[in-house]
C-alpha atoms as a PDB file:
ATOM      1  CA  MET A   1      29.069 -11.479  10.212  1.00  0.00           C
ATOM      2  CA  ARG A   2      31.090 -10.349   7.298  1.00  0.00           C
ATOM      3  CA  THR A   3      29.856  -7.052   6.239  1.00  0.00           C
ATOM      4  CA  ASN A   4      32.091  -6.379   3.423  1.00  0.00           C
ATOM      5  CA  SER A   5      30.416  -6.838  -0.174  1.00  0.00           C
ATOM      6  CA  PHE A   6      33.030  -6.051  -2.321  1.00  0.00           C
ATOM      7  CA  ARG A   7      36.711  -7.540  -2.885  1.00  0.00           C
ATOM      8  CA  THR A   8      39.676  -6.233  -4.450  1.00  0.00           C
ATOM      9  CA  VAL A   9      41.195  -7.990  -7.504  1.00  0.00           C
ATOM     10  CA  ALA A  10      43.291  -5.164  -8.598  1.00  0.00           C
ATOM     11  CA  PRO A  11      44.393  -1.898  -7.137  1.00  0.00           C
ATOM     12  CA  GLY A  12      41.615   0.225  -7.449  1.00  0.00           C
ATOM     13  CA  THR A  13      39.244  -2.236  -8.849  1.00  0.00           C
ATOM     14  CA  TYR A  14      36.715  -4.268  -6.618  1.00  0.00           C
ATOM     15  CA  ARG A  15      34.239  -7.193  -7.500  1.00  0.00           C
ATOM     16  CA  GLU A  16      31.085  -7.471  -5.934  1.00  0.00           C
ATOM     17  CA  ASP A  17      30.821 -10.726  -3.600  1.00  0.00           C
ATOM     18  CA  GLY A  18      27.557 -11.203  -2.631  1.00  0.00           C
ATOM     19  CA  GLY A  19      26.470 -13.977  -0.451  1.00  0.00           C
ATOM     20  CA  LEU A  20      27.884 -15.302   3.133  1.00  0.00           C
ATOM     21  CA  GLU A  21      29.803 -18.411   3.555  1.00  0.00           C
ATOM     22  CA  TYR A  22      29.521 -20.942   6.408  1.00  0.00           C
ATOM     23  CA  GLU A  23      31.857 -18.868   8.869  1.00  0.00           C
ATOM     24  CA  ASP A  24      30.046 -15.734   8.123  1.00  0.00           C
ATOM     25  CA  PHE A  25      26.779 -17.062   9.913  1.00  0.00           C
ATOM     26  CA  VAL A  26      26.536 -16.211  13.453  1.00  0.00           C
ATOM     27  CA  PRO A  27      23.460 -17.495  15.304  1.00  0.00           C
ATOM     28  CA  GLY A  28      21.121 -14.946  16.815  1.00  0.00           C
ATOM     29  CA  GLU A  29      22.147 -12.162  14.571  1.00  0.00           C
ATOM     30  CA  VAL A  30      19.480 -10.526  12.067  1.00  0.00           C
ATOM     31  CA  VAL A  31      19.831  -9.495   8.639  1.00  0.00           C
ATOM     32  CA  GLU A  32      17.417  -6.425   7.125  1.00  0.00           C
ATOM     33  CA  HIS A  33      17.059  -7.207   3.526  1.00  0.00           C
ATOM     34  CA  ARG A  34      16.554  -4.020   1.394  1.00  0.00           C
ATOM     35  CA  PRO A  35      15.444  -2.612  -0.895  1.00  0.00           C
ATOM     36  CA  GLY A  36      11.702  -3.533  -0.212  1.00  0.00           C
ATOM     37  CA  ARG A  37       9.609  -4.430  -3.071  1.00  0.00           C
ATOM     38  CA  THR A  38       6.075  -3.012  -4.034  1.00  0.00           C
ATOM     39  CA  ILE A  39       3.832  -5.674  -5.636  1.00  0.00           C
ATOM     40  CA  THR A  40       2.161  -4.932  -8.948  1.00  0.00           C
ATOM     41  CA  MET A  41      -0.955  -6.437 -10.459  1.00  0.00           C
ATOM     42  CA  THR A  42       1.305  -7.711 -13.193  1.00  0.00           C
ATOM     43  CA  ASP A  43       3.222  -9.509 -10.608  1.00  0.00           C
ATOM     44  CA  ASN A  44       0.418 -11.328  -9.016  1.00  0.00           C
ATOM     45  CA  VAL A  45      -1.701 -12.108 -12.313  1.00  0.00           C
ATOM     46  CA  TRP A  46       1.564 -13.252 -14.140  1.00  0.00           C
ATOM     47  CA  SER A  47       2.632 -15.446 -11.267  1.00  0.00           C
ATOM     48  CA  SER A  48      -0.791 -16.710 -10.701  1.00  0.00           C
ATOM     49  CA  LEU A  49      -1.386 -17.613 -14.119  1.00  0.00           C
ATOM     50  CA  LEU A  50       2.236 -19.024 -14.961  1.00  0.00           C
ATOM     51  CA  CYS A  51       1.881 -21.228 -11.375  1.00  0.00           C
ATOM     52  CA  LEU A  52      -1.663 -22.351 -12.730  1.00  0.00           C
ATOM     53  CA  ASN A  53      -3.346 -20.822 -10.019  1.00  0.00           C
ATOM     54  CA  GLN A  54      -6.766 -19.453 -11.188  1.00  0.00           C
ATOM     55  CA  HIS A  55      -8.390 -18.757  -8.135  1.00  0.00           C
ATOM     56  CA  PRO A  56     -10.660 -15.842  -9.050  1.00  0.00           C
ATOM     57  CA  LEU A  57      -9.556 -14.037  -5.441  1.00  0.00           C
ATOM     58  CA  HIS A  58      -6.112 -13.337  -7.516  1.00  0.00           C
ATOM     59  CA  ILE A  59      -7.282 -12.485 -10.920  1.00  0.00           C
ATOM     60  CA  ASP A  60     -11.014 -11.115 -10.854  1.00  0.00           C
ATOM     61  CA  ALA A  61     -11.451  -8.150  -9.107  1.00  0.00           C
ATOM     62  CA  VAL A  62     -15.067  -8.009  -9.546  1.00  0.00           C
ATOM     63  CA  TYR A  63     -15.120 -11.628  -7.841  1.00  0.00           C
ATOM     64  CA  ALA A  64     -12.240 -10.265  -5.351  1.00  0.00           C
ATOM     65  CA  GLU A  65     -14.771  -7.397  -4.448  1.00  0.00           C
ATOM     66  CA  GLN A  66     -17.689  -9.433  -2.881  1.00  0.00           C
ATOM     67  CA  THR A  67     -15.125 -11.272  -0.663  1.00  0.00           C
ATOM     68  CA  GLY A  68     -14.214 -10.298   2.722  1.00  0.00           C
ATOM     69  CA  PHE A  69     -10.902  -8.779   1.479  1.00  0.00           C
ATOM     70  CA  GLY A  70     -13.135  -6.730  -0.798  1.00  0.00           C
ATOM     71  CA  ARG A  71     -10.425  -6.833  -3.528  1.00  0.00           C
ATOM     72  CA  ILE A  72      -7.687  -8.649  -5.133  1.00  0.00           C
ATOM     73  CA  VAL A  73      -5.541 -10.701  -2.690  1.00  0.00           C
ATOM     74  CA  VAL A  74      -1.607 -11.551  -4.087  1.00  0.00           C
ATOM     75  CA  SER A  75      -1.214 -15.076  -4.430  1.00  0.00           C
ATOM     76  CA  SER A  76       0.577 -16.596  -1.636  1.00  0.00           C
ATOM     77  CA  LEU A  77       3.193 -17.976  -3.974  1.00  0.00           C
ATOM     78  CA  VAL A  78       4.108 -14.533  -4.960  1.00  0.00           C
ATOM     79  CA  THR A  79       4.117 -13.288  -1.573  1.00  0.00           C
ATOM     80  CA  PHE A  80       6.683 -16.242  -0.550  1.00  0.00           C
ATOM     81  CA  GLY A  81       8.718 -16.010  -3.898  1.00  0.00           C
ATOM     82  CA  ILE A  82       9.467 -12.406  -3.636  1.00  0.00           C
ATOM     83  CA  VAL A  83      10.238 -12.369   0.266  1.00  0.00           C
ATOM     84  CA  ASN A  84      12.711 -15.469  -0.235  1.00  0.00           C
ATOM     85  CA  GLY A  85      14.016 -13.963  -3.115  1.00  0.00           C
ATOM     86  CA  MET A  86      14.888 -10.647  -1.073  1.00  0.00           C
ATOM     87  CA  THR A  87      16.952 -12.958   1.032  1.00  0.00           C
ATOM     88  CA  VAL A  88      19.275 -14.914  -1.743  1.00  0.00           C
ATOM     89  CA  ALA A  89      21.893 -12.193  -1.970  1.00  0.00           C
ATOM     90  CA  THR A  90      23.246 -12.684   1.403  1.00  0.00           C
ATOM     91  CA  ILE A  91      21.644 -16.089   2.483  1.00  0.00           C
ATOM     92  CA  SER A  92      21.991 -18.015  -0.640  1.00  0.00           C
ATOM     93  CA  ALA A  93      24.098 -16.224  -3.470  1.00  0.00           C
ATOM     94  CA  LYS A  94      26.956 -18.617  -2.444  1.00  0.00           C
ATOM     95  CA  GLY A  95      24.875 -21.294  -1.418  1.00  0.00           C
ATOM     96  CA  VAL A  96      25.210 -25.173  -2.790  1.00  0.00           C
ATOM     97  CA  ALA A  97      21.793 -26.072  -2.521  1.00  0.00           C
ATOM     98  CA  ASN A  98      18.070 -25.193  -0.498  1.00  0.00           C
ATOM     99  CA  LEU A  99      17.594 -28.161   1.691  1.00  0.00           C
ATOM    100  CA  GLY A 100      14.111 -26.842   2.445  1.00  0.00           C
ATOM    101  CA  TRP A 101      11.688 -24.723   3.991  1.00  0.00           C
ATOM    102  CA  ASP A 102       9.572 -25.626   7.070  1.00  0.00           C
ATOM    103  CA  LYS A 103       6.841 -23.605   9.134  1.00  0.00           C
ATOM    104  CA  VAL A 104       5.518 -21.592   6.448  1.00  0.00           C
ATOM    105  CA  ARG A 105       3.199 -19.273   7.833  1.00  0.00           C
ATOM    106  CA  LEU A 106       0.964 -16.724   5.883  1.00  0.00           C
ATOM    107  CA  SER A 107      -0.653 -14.419   8.548  1.00  0.00           C
ATOM    108  CA  ALA A 108      -2.140 -11.562   6.700  1.00  0.00           C
ATOM    109  CA  PRO A 109      -2.815 -10.637   3.167  1.00  0.00           C
ATOM    110  CA  VAL A 110      -0.889  -8.836   0.785  1.00  0.00           C
ATOM    111  CA  PHE A 111      -2.602  -6.872  -1.680  1.00  0.00           C
ATOM    112  CA  VAL A 112      -1.517  -4.840  -5.014  1.00  0.00           C
ATOM    113  CA  GLY A 113       0.529  -1.918  -4.279  1.00  0.00           C
ATOM    114  CA  ASP A 114       1.888  -3.024  -0.932  1.00  0.00           C
ATOM    115  CA  THR A 115       5.676  -2.946  -0.205  1.00  0.00           C
ATOM    116  CA  LEU A 116       7.244  -5.933   1.242  1.00  0.00           C
ATOM    117  CA  TYR A 117      10.408  -5.989   3.450  1.00  0.00           C
ATOM    118  CA  ALA A 118      12.239  -9.032   4.883  1.00  0.00           C
ATOM    119  CA  GLN A 119      14.530  -9.807   7.886  1.00  0.00           C
ATOM    120  CA  THR A 120      16.297 -12.911   8.633  1.00  0.00           C
ATOM    121  CA  ARG A 121      17.267 -14.305  11.874  1.00  0.00           C
ATOM    122  CA  ILE A 122      19.972 -17.036  11.706  1.00  0.00           C
ATOM    123  CA  LEU A 123      19.127 -19.983  13.879  1.00  0.00           C
ATOM    124  CA  ALA A 124      21.337 -22.537  13.786  1.00  0.00           C
ATOM    125  CA  LYS A 125      24.699 -23.819  11.967  1.00  0.00           C
ATOM    126  CA  ARG A 126      26.472 -26.955  11.858  1.00  0.00           C
ATOM    127  CA  GLU A 127      29.351 -28.666   9.780  1.00  0.00           C
ATOM    128  CA  SER A 128      28.078 -31.248   6.976  1.00  0.00           C
ATOM    129  CA  LYS A 129      28.869 -34.626   8.067  1.00  0.00           C
ATOM    130  CA  THR A 130      28.949 -35.937   4.450  1.00  0.00           C
ATOM    131  CA  ARG A 131      30.532 -32.745   2.911  1.00  0.00           C
ATOM    132  CA  PRO A 132      33.685 -31.250   4.759  1.00  0.00           C
ATOM    133  CA  ASP A 133      33.837 -28.237   2.658  1.00  0.00           C
ATOM    134  CA  GLU A 134      30.486 -27.391   3.084  1.00  0.00           C
ATOM    135  CA  GLY A 135      28.130 -26.340   6.162  1.00  0.00           C
ATOM    136  CA  ILE A 136      24.495 -26.424   7.024  1.00  0.00           C
ATOM    137  CA  VAL A 137      22.541 -23.244   7.902  1.00  0.00           C
ATOM    138  CA  THR A 138      19.165 -22.782   9.196  1.00  0.00           C
ATOM    139  CA  VAL A 139      17.308 -19.543   9.259  1.00  0.00           C
ATOM    140  CA  HIS A 140      13.940 -17.885   9.928  1.00  0.00           C
ATOM    141  CA  THR A 141      12.823 -15.242   7.549  1.00  0.00           C
ATOM    142  CA  THR A 142       9.814 -12.702   8.330  1.00  0.00           C
ATOM    143  CA  GLY A 143       8.094 -10.767   5.530  1.00  0.00           C
ATOM    144  CA  LEU A 144       6.470  -7.599   6.717  1.00  0.00           C
ATOM    145  CA  ASN A 145       4.192  -5.265   4.639  1.00  0.00           C
ATOM    146  CA  GLN A 146       4.924  -1.186   4.737  1.00  0.00           C
ATOM    147  CA  ASP A 147       3.151  -0.762   7.955  1.00  0.00           C
ATOM    148  CA  GLY A 148       5.550  -3.497   9.951  1.00  0.00           C
ATOM    149  CA  VAL A 149       2.721  -6.054   9.709  1.00  0.00           C
ATOM    150  CA  THR A 150       4.067  -9.567   9.617  1.00  0.00           C
ATOM    151  CA  VAL A 151       2.682 -11.170   6.211  1.00  0.00           C
ATOM    152  CA  ILE A 152       4.597 -14.349   5.849  1.00  0.00           C
ATOM    153  CA  ALA A 153       7.443 -16.257   7.966  1.00  0.00           C
ATOM    154  CA  PHE A 154       9.254 -19.434   7.324  1.00  0.00           C
ATOM    155  CA  ASP A 155      12.223 -21.345   8.316  1.00  0.00           C
ATOM    156  CA  ARG A 156      14.866 -22.318   5.408  1.00  0.00           C
ATOM    157  CA  THR A 157      17.902 -24.663   5.542  1.00  0.00           C
ATOM    158  CA  VAL A 158      20.768 -24.105   3.297  1.00  0.00           C
ATOM    159  CA  LEU A 159      23.925 -25.694   2.216  1.00  0.00           C
ATOM    160  CA  VAL A 160      26.649 -23.215   2.022  1.00  0.00           C
ATOM    161  CA  PRO A 161      30.514 -23.334   1.081  1.00  0.00           C
ATOM    162  CA  ARG A 162      32.783 -23.014   3.902  1.00  0.00           C
ATOM    163  CA  ARG A 163      35.618 -20.363   3.373  1.00  0.00           C
ATOM    164  CA  LYS A 164      38.430 -21.900   1.320  1.00  0.00           C
ATOM    165  CA  GLU A 165      41.235 -20.681   3.939  1.00  0.00           C
ATOM    166  CA  ASP A 166      39.190 -22.404   6.522  1.00  0.00           C
ATOM    167  CA  ARG A 167      38.972 -25.884   4.943  1.00  0.00           C
END
């Protein structure tokens, strides 16, 4: 897998070059996405209300205290959005299109104050049959909390460009 994230544009001048191209993906390899992201109450309430998810478990502390969780649970869409977002700089910053997410599993609750981390295993890749300048990559992403507990996992398929010199 390509590991440099800068390219030379002139002697002594470099440009960030985030994201992988089709040739950079190697099935079986794992990318650890950093830094982690600590979830705040603002993240949870704003995102829950923006998505019209008004379930009191996510926005009403008194209600949440009376549940088996004993406190506000972060909306699963917040968890998904943050963990997926952590992967973009590497997996899809050069992507042409997200083709889909599959097998999304929420395996443990996330609470305000938890710090999430993500890692992605490259599952497969193939050349596009209809777009010769692009390829299709499938990955499996796992989101973990600060204790190493998996809180979410999903597969994602992305259409990515092939490297220009390899076309």
